[in-house]
Amino acid sequence: MKVEKSYIIQSLAIIVMASGFFLFFKGNLPKKIFSEEKTDLTNVVIDSLLLEAFEKQKLAETENSTKLSKTDEDKYEDVFIVTEEDLFSDENEISFKGMAFLDYFFSKLYQVETDEKGRARIAYYGDSMTDGDMIVQDLRKNYQDKYGGSGVGFIQITSESAGSRGSVIHKFSSNWQIQSYMNVKRPLRPFGVSGQVFFQKDSIKPTWVSYQASKLKNLTSLNTPTLYFGRSNNKHAKALITIGSDTITKKLEATTLLNKLKISNTNINQVKIQLVAADSIPFYGIDVSSANGVQVDNFSTRGNSGLPLSLLNVGLMQQFQKDLDYSLIILHYGTNVLNYGSYNYGWYTKQMSRVVAHLRQCFPKASILVISTADKSSKYDLTMQTDSAVNPLVKAQRKYAMESKAGFFNLYEAMGGKNSMVKWVEEMPARANKDYTHFNFRGAQAISKMIYNQLEEGYVTYKKKKEDKLTSEKFQEKRVSKEAKTTIDTISNEN
């Protein structure tokens, strides 16, 4: 009994001491377990322009001693306040959506809906959030279900996420030479519309790419597939086109800045393209979209901040625009910009404003929609909470959207705001992954629906204004016609 009593006393003493140590050290632990100091980026997949921007920002902050700590976050709330002089619509800053700036896209959509012809086309640029056609494939489905159209759109030659994409079966040989705007500033030939350019690497092993339509609704065929490639002095290049059991040889005429080869004049299920003596010719991808309805192209690149879009060649993009005719450019970035030691994202606002201006040169007339970063969780006080950098970045993104006269979708607020990512991860069934950053397929569907609904609300407003204007114009025509008839009758009576 004495032994048991001794053990009990010792156990209680240990518990008391442990509790005391915990309470003592808890007050001295950092609020955020993971440091906000700049992360070692050596092995991180992230674009080179963003790395340069981080280095310049770090240098500027060091020189000016303006680097902020976690406790300074609240002081930064007013940095992105937009004055009345900055506003280009009658919306206030907090609720800004900027749907009035998407009129060109809405006009194309109106033509598709009312005339049942023509095409409204969307280029969706993003990072790993849209990897494997996540979010984008659901947006495409929503639009095509309502307004018509079919096909997955423009597909580049190779893709890092081809294996995880269900909207198209995409395969390719391993011997393509790839240059991406993520890590190359001056490519051998201009980057294509997806931000990459591809070359035949050798003439010994076959260099090929194949595409097969999926079984998903609206995506069951490759619509009149067309291969896009650039200029070269190569006069001997050919492409072996295999459709089913038939293989034909077509010459590649690479004489202009942007060239295209019609693979088939009809819709097909699959195709394989093998290059022959095609060295030095830059290849870009294949377009398999229908000529009507709505098309949505996915140009996702892991690690992208959006800054590399400034490297797109204006002349080449204008050639793509003549052919593909984008009416809306979506910019969905932010994940890779968070957590690099500062809440000051003024530099990002300035640089992305320049990116938008550059895109307006590349794709004349096209409307632009900015999608903010989603909520992202980090560990504070041993619990997962909204990362302290999220809110300042959202404000920076909203600011450059407003200043650039672009639409804005606040993804952070749409999914629930503060600590919403924790909820999306921990709810059953989950809508986000355990990295507390990326959505799973359920979450992607939900986010896509939110984006679609906001765009539809904007379109309804546009349509009402347009139809009211048409009604007013018809009324004016009738009034003028009636007045003219009255004048003629009066003159007749006088005579």
Protein backbone atom coordinates (compact mmCIF):
# COMPACT_ATOMS: atom_id res chain seq x y z
CA MET A 1 0.00 0.00 0.00
CA LYS A 2 2.84 2.37 0.88
CA VAL A 3 4.45 1.63 -2.51
CA GLU A 4 1.18 2.34 -4.36
CA LYS A 5 0.72 5.57 -2.36
CA SER A 6 4.28 6.62 -3.24
CA TYR A 7 3.63 6.03 -6.97
CA ILE A 8 0.43 8.09 -6.76
CA ILE A 9 2.24 10.98 -5.10
CA GLN A 10 5.05 10.84 -7.66
CA SER A 11 2.56 10.78 -10.54
CA LEU A 12 0.69 13.77 -9.18
CA ALA A 13 3.96 15.64 -8.71
CA ILE A 14 4.97 14.93 -12.31
CA ILE A 15 1.61 16.15 -13.61
CA VAL A 16 1.84 19.35 -11.55
CA MET A 17 5.39 20.01 -12.73
CA ALA A 18 4.51 19.31 -16.37
CA SER A 19 1.56 21.67 -16.17
CA GLY A 20 3.76 24.33 -14.64
CA PHE A 21 6.41 23.98 -17.35
CA PHE A 22 3.73 24.11 -20.09
CA LEU A 23 2.17 27.30 -18.70
CA PHE A 24 5.59 28.89 -18.28
CA PHE A 25 6.85 28.06 -21.77
CA LYS A 26 3.52 28.68 -23.49
CA GLY A 27 3.81 32.38 -22.75
CA ASN A 28 7.28 32.42 -24.29
CA LEU A 29 6.49 30.43 -27.43
CA PRO A 30 6.15 32.37 -30.72
CA LYS A 31 2.54 32.90 -31.73
CA LYS A 32 3.24 31.48 -35.16
CA ILE A 33 5.05 28.14 -35.09
CA PHE A 34 6.40 28.50 -38.62
CA SER A 35 8.64 31.51 -39.10
CA GLU A 36 7.59 34.31 -41.43
CA GLU A 37 11.19 34.86 -42.43
CA LYS A 38 11.83 34.36 -46.10
CA THR A 39 11.64 30.68 -47.00
CA ASP A 40 14.57 28.87 -48.58
CA LEU A 41 13.43 28.80 -52.21
CA THR A 42 16.19 26.59 -53.61
CA ASN A 43 13.94 23.62 -54.32
CA VAL A 44 10.61 25.44 -54.60
CA VAL A 45 8.87 25.49 -57.97
CA ILE A 46 8.27 29.20 -58.40
CA ASP A 47 8.72 31.63 -61.26
CA SER A 48 12.00 33.47 -61.71
CA LEU A 49 10.39 36.92 -61.95
CA LEU A 50 8.80 36.45 -58.54
CA LEU A 51 12.14 35.41 -57.06
CA GLU A 52 13.67 38.61 -58.40
CA ALA A 53 10.79 40.65 -57.05
CA PHE A 54 11.22 39.09 -53.59
CA GLU A 55 14.92 39.92 -53.59
CA LYS A 56 14.28 43.54 -54.62
CA GLN A 57 11.52 43.88 -52.03
CA LYS A 58 13.76 42.43 -49.30
CA LEU A 59 16.52 44.87 -50.22
CA ALA A 60 14.11 47.83 -50.22
CA GLU A 61 12.68 46.84 -46.83
CA THR A 62 16.14 46.41 -45.35
CA GLU A 63 17.26 49.81 -46.59
CA ASN A 64 14.13 51.57 -45.39
CA SER A 65 13.66 49.48 -42.24
CA THR A 66 9.98 49.05 -43.03
CA LYS A 67 9.70 45.30 -42.75
CA LEU A 68 6.59 44.37 -40.77
CA SER A 69 6.16 41.74 -38.10
CA LYS A 70 3.03 39.77 -37.27
CA THR A 71 2.07 42.36 -34.64
CA ASP A 72 2.27 45.09 -37.29
CA GLU A 73 -0.42 43.55 -39.47
CA ASP A 74 -3.23 45.71 -38.09
CA LYS A 75 -1.20 48.87 -38.77
CA TYR A 76 -1.12 47.87 -42.42
CA GLU A 77 -4.92 47.86 -42.82
CA ASP A 78 -5.02 51.32 -44.42
CA VAL A 79 -2.21 50.83 -46.92
CA PHE A 80 -4.56 49.69 -49.69
CA ILE A 81 -7.34 52.23 -49.12
CA VAL A 82 -8.39 53.54 -52.55
CA THR A 83 -9.45 57.19 -52.73
CA GLU A 84 -12.46 58.42 -54.69
CA GLU A 85 -10.11 59.74 -57.36
CA ASP A 86 -8.86 56.18 -57.91
CA LEU A 87 -12.31 54.68 -58.41
CA PHE A 88 -13.57 53.94 -61.91
CA SER A 89 -17.03 52.68 -60.97
CA ASP A 90 -19.67 53.62 -58.44
CA GLU A 91 -18.85 50.59 -56.27
CA ASN A 92 -17.16 51.01 -52.92
CA GLU A 93 -13.81 49.37 -52.36
CA ILE A 94 -14.85 46.62 -49.95
CA SER A 95 -17.62 45.22 -52.16
CA PHE A 96 -15.92 45.95 -55.49
CA LYS A 97 -16.67 43.42 -58.26
CA GLY A 98 -16.15 45.53 -61.35
CA MET A 99 -18.61 43.65 -63.53
CA ALA A 100 -19.13 46.86 -65.52
CA PHE A 101 -15.62 46.35 -66.89
CA LEU A 102 -16.54 43.00 -68.47
CA ASP A 103 -18.91 44.46 -71.06
CA TYR A 104 -16.95 43.13 -74.05
CA PHE A 105 -17.22 39.56 -72.74
CA PHE A 106 -20.90 40.05 -71.93
CA SER A 107 -21.54 41.44 -75.43
CA LYS A 108 -20.08 38.27 -76.95
CA LEU A 109 -22.15 36.14 -74.59
CA TYR A 110 -25.25 38.12 -75.56
CA GLN A 111 -24.58 37.43 -79.22
CA VAL A 112 -24.20 33.71 -78.50
CA GLU A 113 -27.43 33.63 -76.53
CA THR A 114 -29.65 35.76 -78.77
CA ASP A 115 -28.32 34.94 -82.25
CA GLU A 116 -27.37 31.36 -81.39
CA LYS A 117 -24.14 31.82 -83.28
CA GLY A 118 -20.68 33.19 -82.66
CA ARG A 119 -18.37 32.38 -79.78
CA ALA A 120 -17.40 33.77 -76.39
CA ARG A 121 -13.94 32.51 -75.46
CA ILE A 122 -12.15 32.61 -72.10
CA ALA A 123 -8.42 32.22 -71.40
CA TYR A 124 -8.05 31.11 -67.78
CA TYR A 125 -4.49 31.78 -66.53
CA GLY A 126 -3.65 30.30 -63.13
CA ASP A 127 -1.25 28.45 -60.87
CA SER A 128 -1.52 25.08 -59.10
CA MET A 129 -5.08 25.94 -58.04
CA THR A 130 -6.18 25.10 -61.59
CA ASP A 131 -3.71 22.25 -62.11
CA GLY A 132 -5.25 19.29 -63.92
CA ASP A 133 -8.11 21.51 -65.13
CA MET A 134 -9.44 21.90 -61.58
CA ILE A 135 -12.02 24.71 -61.30
CA VAL A 136 -11.65 25.48 -65.02
CA GLN A 137 -13.31 22.27 -66.24
CA ASP A 138 -16.35 22.99 -64.08
CA LEU A 139 -16.55 26.59 -65.28
CA ARG A 140 -16.36 25.29 -68.85
CA LYS A 141 -19.15 22.80 -68.15
CA ASN A 142 -21.41 25.42 -66.56
CA TYR A 143 -21.07 27.73 -69.56
CA GLN A 144 -21.37 25.07 -72.24
CA ASP A 145 -24.40 23.49 -70.57
CA LYS A 146 -26.24 26.82 -70.71
CA TYR A 147 -24.90 28.58 -73.80
CA GLY A 148 -23.69 25.72 -75.98
CA GLY A 149 -20.28 24.97 -77.36
CA SER A 150 -18.08 21.91 -77.00
CA GLY A 151 -14.46 20.92 -76.78
CA VAL A 152 -11.74 21.41 -74.20
CA GLY A 153 -10.16 24.31 -76.10
CA PHE A 154 -6.46 24.96 -76.62
CA ILE A 155 -4.06 22.29 -75.34
CA GLN A 156 -0.31 22.85 -75.25
CA ILE A 157 2.18 20.29 -76.54
CA THR A 158 3.16 18.87 -73.15
CA SER A 159 1.84 19.48 -69.65
CA GLU A 160 3.08 18.70 -66.16
CA SER A 161 -0.47 17.87 -65.10
CA ALA A 162 -1.53 15.83 -68.15
CA GLY A 163 -1.79 12.63 -66.12
CA SER A 164 -4.25 14.11 -63.65
CA ARG A 165 -6.49 15.77 -66.22
CA GLY A 166 -9.83 14.09 -66.90
CA SER A 167 -11.10 16.53 -69.53
CA VAL A 168 -8.71 15.21 -72.20
CA ILE A 169 -6.35 12.24 -72.53
CA HIS A 170 -3.03 13.87 -73.31
CA LYS A 171 0.20 11.92 -73.92
CA PHE A 172 3.60 12.82 -75.40
CA SER A 173 7.14 11.55 -75.89
CA SER A 174 9.80 12.45 -73.32
CA ASN A 175 12.19 14.07 -75.78
CA TRP A 176 10.55 17.46 -76.28
CA GLN A 177 12.70 20.50 -75.54
CA ILE A 178 10.58 22.87 -73.45
CA GLN A 179 11.10 26.52 -72.63
CA SER A 180 8.73 28.15 -70.15
CA TYR A 181 8.18 31.73 -69.09
CA MET A 182 8.59 30.45 -65.55
CA ASN A 183 12.36 30.17 -65.84
CA VAL A 184 13.44 31.63 -69.20
CA LYS A 185 13.34 35.32 -70.05
CA ARG A 186 14.64 35.15 -73.61
CA PRO A 187 13.43 31.99 -75.35
CA LEU A 188 14.76 30.75 -78.67
CA ARG A 189 11.37 31.68 -80.14
CA PRO A 190 8.50 33.61 -78.52
CA PHE A 191 6.40 31.81 -75.92
CA GLY A 192 3.02 30.59 -77.07
CA VAL A 193 -0.33 31.59 -75.61
CA SER A 194 0.13 29.07 -72.79
CA GLY A 195 3.50 30.55 -71.76
CA GLN A 196 5.64 27.77 -73.23
CA VAL A 197 7.35 26.97 -76.50
CA PHE A 198 8.29 23.42 -77.59
CA PHE A 199 10.94 22.06 -79.98
CA GLN A 200 11.83 18.68 -81.41
CA LYS A 201 14.82 17.70 -79.28
CA ASP A 202 16.41 15.05 -81.50
CA SER A 203 15.85 13.27 -84.79
CA ILE A 204 16.77 9.78 -83.60
CA LYS A 205 13.89 8.93 -81.30
CA PRO A 206 10.36 9.76 -82.46
CA THR A 207 9.02 13.07 -81.13
CA TRP A 208 5.27 12.88 -80.82
CA VAL A 209 2.16 14.05 -79.02
CA SER A 210 -1.31 12.51 -78.88
CA TYR A 211 -4.72 13.77 -77.83
CA GLN A 212 -7.88 11.80 -77.16
CA ALA A 213 -11.29 13.20 -76.27
CA SER A 214 -12.71 12.31 -72.87
CA LYS A 215 -16.12 10.82 -72.13
CA LEU A 216 -17.28 13.87 -70.20
CA LYS A 217 -20.29 15.82 -71.43
CA ASN A 218 -19.45 18.37 -74.17
CA LEU A 219 -15.90 16.95 -74.45
CA THR A 220 -16.49 13.73 -76.41
CA SER A 221 -14.74 14.89 -79.58
CA LEU A 222 -11.74 16.87 -80.77
CA ASN A 223 -13.38 19.57 -82.88
CA THR A 224 -11.61 20.14 -86.22
CA PRO A 225 -8.18 19.99 -84.52
CA THR A 226 -5.62 22.57 -85.64
CA LEU A 227 -1.90 22.53 -84.83
CA TYR A 228 -0.21 25.89 -84.09
CA PHE A 229 3.50 26.55 -84.63
CA GLY A 230 5.86 29.43 -85.25
CA ARG A 231 8.39 30.71 -87.77
CA SER A 232 11.51 28.86 -88.92
CA ASN A 233 13.82 28.62 -91.93
CA ASN A 234 13.29 24.87 -91.93
CA LYS A 235 11.89 23.89 -95.35
CA HIS A 236 11.86 20.12 -94.87
CA ALA A 237 9.72 19.57 -91.79
CA LYS A 238 6.77 17.22 -91.91
CA ALA A 239 4.14 15.87 -89.56
CA LEU A 240 2.88 12.29 -89.57
CA ILE A 241 -0.82 12.49 -88.65
CA THR A 242 -2.40 9.28 -87.38
CA ILE A 243 -6.18 9.18 -87.02
CA GLY A 244 -7.51 5.73 -86.28
CA SER A 245 -5.70 3.29 -88.61
CA ASP A 246 -4.82 5.94 -91.18
CA THR A 247 -1.55 7.87 -91.28
CA ILE A 248 -0.94 10.77 -93.62
CA THR A 249 2.06 13.05 -94.08
CA LYS A 250 1.63 16.82 -94.12
CA LYS A 251 4.27 19.45 -94.79
CA LEU A 252 4.89 22.08 -92.14
CA GLU A 253 5.03 25.57 -93.68
CA ALA A 254 6.72 27.68 -90.99
CA THR A 255 6.93 30.94 -92.93
CA THR A 256 5.06 33.42 -90.69
CA LEU A 257 5.09 34.45 -87.05
CA LEU A 258 2.17 32.12 -86.34
CA ASN A 259 1.26 29.19 -88.57
CA LYS A 260 -1.44 26.55 -88.36
CA LEU A 261 -2.01 23.12 -89.82
CA LYS A 262 -5.54 21.77 -90.07
CA ILE A 263 -5.32 18.22 -88.75
CA SER A 264 -8.88 17.31 -89.73
CA ASN A 265 -11.84 19.14 -91.23
CA THR A 266 -14.21 17.08 -89.11
CA ASN A 267 -14.57 16.21 -85.45
CA ILE A 268 -12.52 13.19 -84.43
CA ASN A 269 -11.98 11.15 -81.28
CA GLN A 270 -8.19 10.98 -81.17
CA VAL A 271 -5.05 11.93 -83.05
CA LYS A 272 -1.30 11.32 -82.87
CA ILE A 273 1.17 13.79 -84.36
CA GLN A 274 4.78 12.73 -84.98
CA LEU A 275 7.38 15.21 -86.19
CA VAL A 276 9.87 14.50 -88.96
CA ALA A 277 12.95 16.73 -89.45
CA ALA A 278 11.19 19.55 -87.57
CA ASP A 279 14.19 20.91 -85.68
CA SER A 280 14.19 24.69 -85.02
CA ILE A 281 10.42 24.99 -85.50
CA PRO A 282 8.65 26.30 -82.38
CA PHE A 283 5.44 24.41 -81.57
CA TYR A 284 2.67 25.75 -79.36
CA GLY A 285 -0.26 23.37 -79.18
CA ILE A 286 -3.52 22.23 -80.68
CA ASP A 287 -6.95 23.84 -80.68
CA VAL A 288 -10.00 21.55 -80.53
CA SER A 289 -12.78 24.04 -79.80
CA SER A 290 -16.13 24.39 -81.55
CA ALA A 291 -16.91 27.43 -83.67
CA ASN A 292 -19.86 28.47 -81.52
CA GLY A 293 -20.97 28.67 -77.89
CA VAL A 294 -18.51 29.21 -75.04
CA GLN A 295 -14.93 27.98 -74.95
CA VAL A 296 -12.67 27.98 -71.88
CA ASP A 297 -8.92 27.32 -72.23
CA ASN A 298 -6.88 26.34 -69.17
CA PHE A 299 -3.36 27.81 -69.01
CA SER A 300 -2.24 26.73 -65.54
CA THR A 301 1.40 26.66 -64.47
CA ARG A 302 2.55 25.47 -61.06
CA GLY A 303 4.41 28.06 -59.01
CA ASN A 304 3.20 30.98 -61.15
CA SER A 305 2.71 34.41 -59.55
CA GLY A 306 1.23 36.00 -62.66
CA LEU A 307 4.32 38.13 -63.29
CA PRO A 308 5.65 35.92 -66.15
CA LEU A 309 2.66 36.97 -68.29
CA SER A 310 4.66 40.15 -68.92
CA LEU A 311 7.02 38.03 -71.06
CA LEU A 312 4.37 37.15 -73.66
CA ASN A 313 5.29 38.57 -77.07
CA VAL A 314 2.74 41.21 -78.09
CA GLY A 315 3.02 40.57 -81.82
CA LEU A 316 2.58 36.82 -81.50
CA MET A 317 -0.27 37.14 -79.00
CA GLN A 318 -2.10 39.49 -81.34
CA GLN A 319 -1.83 36.82 -84.02
CA PHE A 320 -3.27 34.26 -81.60
CA GLN A 321 -6.02 36.74 -80.73
CA LYS A 322 -7.01 37.11 -84.39
CA ASP A 323 -7.54 33.37 -84.56
CA LEU A 324 -8.75 32.41 -81.08
CA ASP A 325 -10.57 35.70 -80.32
CA TYR A 326 -10.58 35.76 -76.51
CA SER A 327 -13.30 37.93 -75.02
CA LEU A 328 -12.29 37.34 -71.37
CA ILE A 329 -8.90 36.83 -69.71
CA ILE A 330 -9.03 35.43 -66.16
CA LEU A 331 -6.03 35.87 -63.83
CA HIS A 332 -6.15 33.47 -60.88
CA TYR A 333 -2.97 33.87 -58.78
CA GLY A 334 -1.77 34.49 -55.25
CA THR A 335 -0.90 31.13 -53.70
CA ASN A 336 2.78 31.52 -54.56
CA VAL A 337 3.03 35.14 -53.45
CA LEU A 338 2.12 34.54 -49.79
CA ASN A 339 4.51 34.22 -46.84
CA TYR A 340 7.81 35.70 -47.88
CA GLY A 341 8.51 37.91 -44.89
CA SER A 342 6.38 40.97 -45.49
CA TYR A 343 2.77 42.12 -45.59
CA ASN A 344 3.69 44.94 -47.94
CA TYR A 345 2.35 43.86 -51.33
CA GLY A 346 2.48 47.29 -52.94
CA TRP A 347 5.19 45.99 -55.28
CA TYR A 348 2.84 43.21 -56.43
CA THR A 349 0.04 45.69 -57.10
CA LYS A 350 2.34 47.80 -59.29
CA GLN A 351 3.79 44.89 -61.21
CA MET A 352 0.46 43.16 -61.83
CA SER A 353 -1.00 46.48 -63.01
CA ARG A 354 1.74 46.48 -65.64
CA VAL A 355 0.90 42.86 -66.48
CA VAL A 356 -2.75 43.80 -67.10
CA ALA A 357 -1.68 46.71 -69.31
CA HIS A 358 0.57 44.31 -71.24
CA LEU A 359 -2.25 41.79 -71.67
CA ARG A 360 -4.49 44.51 -73.08
CA GLN A 361 -1.89 44.99 -75.81
CA CYS A 362 -1.67 41.25 -76.37
CA PHE A 363 -5.43 40.63 -76.48
CA PRO A 364 -7.10 43.84 -77.70
CA LYS A 365 -10.69 44.40 -76.53
CA ALA A 366 -10.70 41.38 -74.19
CA SER A 367 -12.16 41.96 -70.73
CA ILE A 368 -10.04 40.98 -67.71
CA LEU A 369 -11.15 39.36 -64.44
CA VAL A 370 -8.85 39.12 -61.41
CA ILE A 371 -9.48 36.30 -58.93
CA SER A 372 -7.95 36.80 -55.50
CA THR A 373 -6.00 34.32 -53.44
CA ALA A 374 -8.05 31.79 -51.51
CA ASP A 375 -7.84 31.47 -47.76
CA LYS A 376 -4.70 29.63 -46.63
CA SER A 377 -4.01 28.34 -43.12
CA SER A 378 -0.83 28.35 -41.06
CA LYS A 379 -0.26 27.26 -37.47
CA TYR A 380 -0.60 29.90 -34.71
CA ASP A 381 -0.75 29.00 -31.01
CA LEU A 382 -0.76 25.32 -32.02
CA THR A 383 -3.95 25.75 -34.10
CA MET A 384 -4.51 26.23 -37.82
CA GLN A 385 -5.72 29.75 -38.65
CA THR A 386 -5.87 32.08 -41.64
CA ASP A 387 -2.35 33.05 -42.60
CA SER A 388 -1.64 36.64 -41.68
CA ALA A 389 -0.47 37.45 -45.21
CA VAL A 390 -3.78 36.53 -46.89
CA ASN A 391 -5.76 39.67 -46.14
CA PRO A 392 -3.04 42.15 -47.23
CA LEU A 393 -2.55 40.22 -50.48
CA VAL A 394 -6.30 40.19 -51.23
CA LYS A 395 -6.32 43.98 -50.77
CA ALA A 396 -3.35 44.34 -53.12
CA GLN A 397 -5.08 42.22 -55.75
CA ARG A 398 -8.32 44.17 -55.42
CA LYS A 399 -6.39 47.43 -55.74
CA TYR A 400 -4.69 46.46 -58.99
CA ALA A 401 -8.01 45.21 -60.38
CA MET A 402 -9.66 48.54 -59.55
CA GLU A 403 -6.83 50.63 -60.93
CA SER A 404 -6.70 48.51 -64.09
CA LYS A 405 -10.46 48.67 -64.72
CA ALA A 406 -10.75 44.90 -64.40
CA GLY A 407 -13.41 42.75 -62.79
CA PHE A 408 -12.65 41.26 -59.38
CA PHE A 409 -13.76 38.06 -57.66
CA ASN A 410 -12.90 37.91 -53.96
CA LEU A 411 -12.29 34.19 -53.54
CA TYR A 412 -11.22 34.61 -49.92
CA GLU A 413 -14.54 36.18 -48.94
CA ALA A 414 -16.57 33.89 -51.20
CA MET A 415 -15.33 30.77 -49.41
CA GLY A 416 -16.14 32.28 -45.99
CA GLY A 417 -13.33 34.67 -45.09
CA LYS A 418 -11.23 34.19 -41.95
CA ASN A 419 -10.47 30.54 -41.07
CA SER A 420 -12.69 29.26 -43.88
CA MET A 421 -9.92 26.99 -45.21
CA VAL A 422 -9.86 25.16 -41.86
CA LYS A 423 -13.57 24.53 -42.22
CA TRP A 424 -13.22 23.35 -45.83
CA VAL A 425 -10.47 20.90 -44.84
CA GLU A 426 -12.09 19.52 -41.70
CA GLU A 427 -15.73 19.30 -42.75
CA MET A 428 -17.16 15.97 -43.95
CA PRO A 429 -16.92 15.44 -46.82
CA ALA A 430 -13.87 17.68 -47.11
CA ARG A 431 -13.63 20.30 -49.84
CA ALA A 432 -9.91 21.03 -49.49
CA ASN A 433 -6.69 19.09 -48.98
CA LYS A 434 -4.68 18.65 -45.79
CA ASP A 435 -2.11 21.17 -47.00
CA TYR A 436 -4.70 23.81 -46.04
CA THR A 437 -4.02 25.50 -49.39
CA HIS A 438 -5.52 23.58 -52.32
CA PHE A 439 -9.07 22.46 -53.04
CA ASN A 440 -10.08 18.90 -53.85
CA PHE A 441 -12.54 18.15 -56.65
CA ARG A 442 -15.54 18.99 -54.46
CA GLY A 443 -14.07 22.32 -53.47
CA ALA A 444 -13.08 23.05 -57.06
CA GLN A 445 -16.67 22.49 -58.19
CA ALA A 446 -17.94 24.81 -55.46
CA ILE A 447 -15.45 27.57 -56.30
CA SER A 448 -16.21 27.27 -60.01
CA LYS A 449 -19.92 27.68 -59.31
CA MET A 450 -19.25 30.81 -57.24
CA ILE A 451 -17.20 32.38 -60.05
CA TYR A 452 -19.84 31.42 -62.60
CA ASN A 453 -22.66 32.87 -60.48
CA GLN A 454 -20.91 36.23 -60.09
CA LEU A 455 -20.28 36.41 -63.83
CA GLU A 456 -23.90 35.49 -64.51
CA GLU A 457 -25.09 38.25 -62.17
CA GLY A 458 -22.95 40.71 -64.10
CA TYR A 459 -24.30 39.40 -67.39
CA VAL A 460 -27.93 39.75 -66.24
CA THR A 461 -27.26 43.40 -65.34
CA TYR A 462 -25.57 43.97 -68.70
CA LYS A 463 -28.42 42.33 -70.57
CA LYS A 464 -31.06 44.42 -68.81
CA LYS A 465 -29.22 47.66 -69.61
CA LYS A 466 -28.79 46.61 -73.24
CA GLU A 467 -32.40 45.59 -73.68
CA ASP A 468 -33.62 48.76 -71.97
CA LYS A 469 -31.45 50.75 -74.37
CA LEU A 470 -32.83 48.86 -77.37
CA THR A 471 -36.38 49.44 -76.16
CA SER A 472 -35.65 53.13 -75.72
CA GLU A 473 -34.12 53.37 -79.19
CA LYS A 474 -37.14 51.66 -80.76
CA PHE A 475 -39.44 54.02 -78.89
CA GLN A 476 -37.44 56.98 -80.17
CA GLU A 477 -37.61 55.65 -83.73
CA LYS A 478 -41.40 55.26 -83.48
CA ARG A 479 -41.76 58.75 -81.98
CA VAL A 480 -39.62 60.33 -84.68
CA SER A 481 -41.48 58.36 -87.35
CA LYS A 482 -44.82 59.46 -85.93
CA GLU A 483 -43.69 63.09 -85.75
CA ALA A 484 -42.45 62.92 -89.33
CA LYS A 485 -45.76 61.42 -90.48
CA THR A 486 -47.67 64.14 -88.63
CA THR A 487 -45.55 66.82 -90.31
CA ILE A 488 -46.14 65.30 -93.74
CA ASP A 489 -49.89 65.06 -93.13
CA THR A 490 -49.96 68.70 -91.97
CA ILE A 491 -48.13 69.86 -95.09
CA SER A 492 -50.48 67.77 -97.28
CA ASN A 493 -53.54 69.27 -95.62
CA GLU A 494 -52.22 72.80 -96.04
CA ASN A 495 -51.69 72.18 -99.73
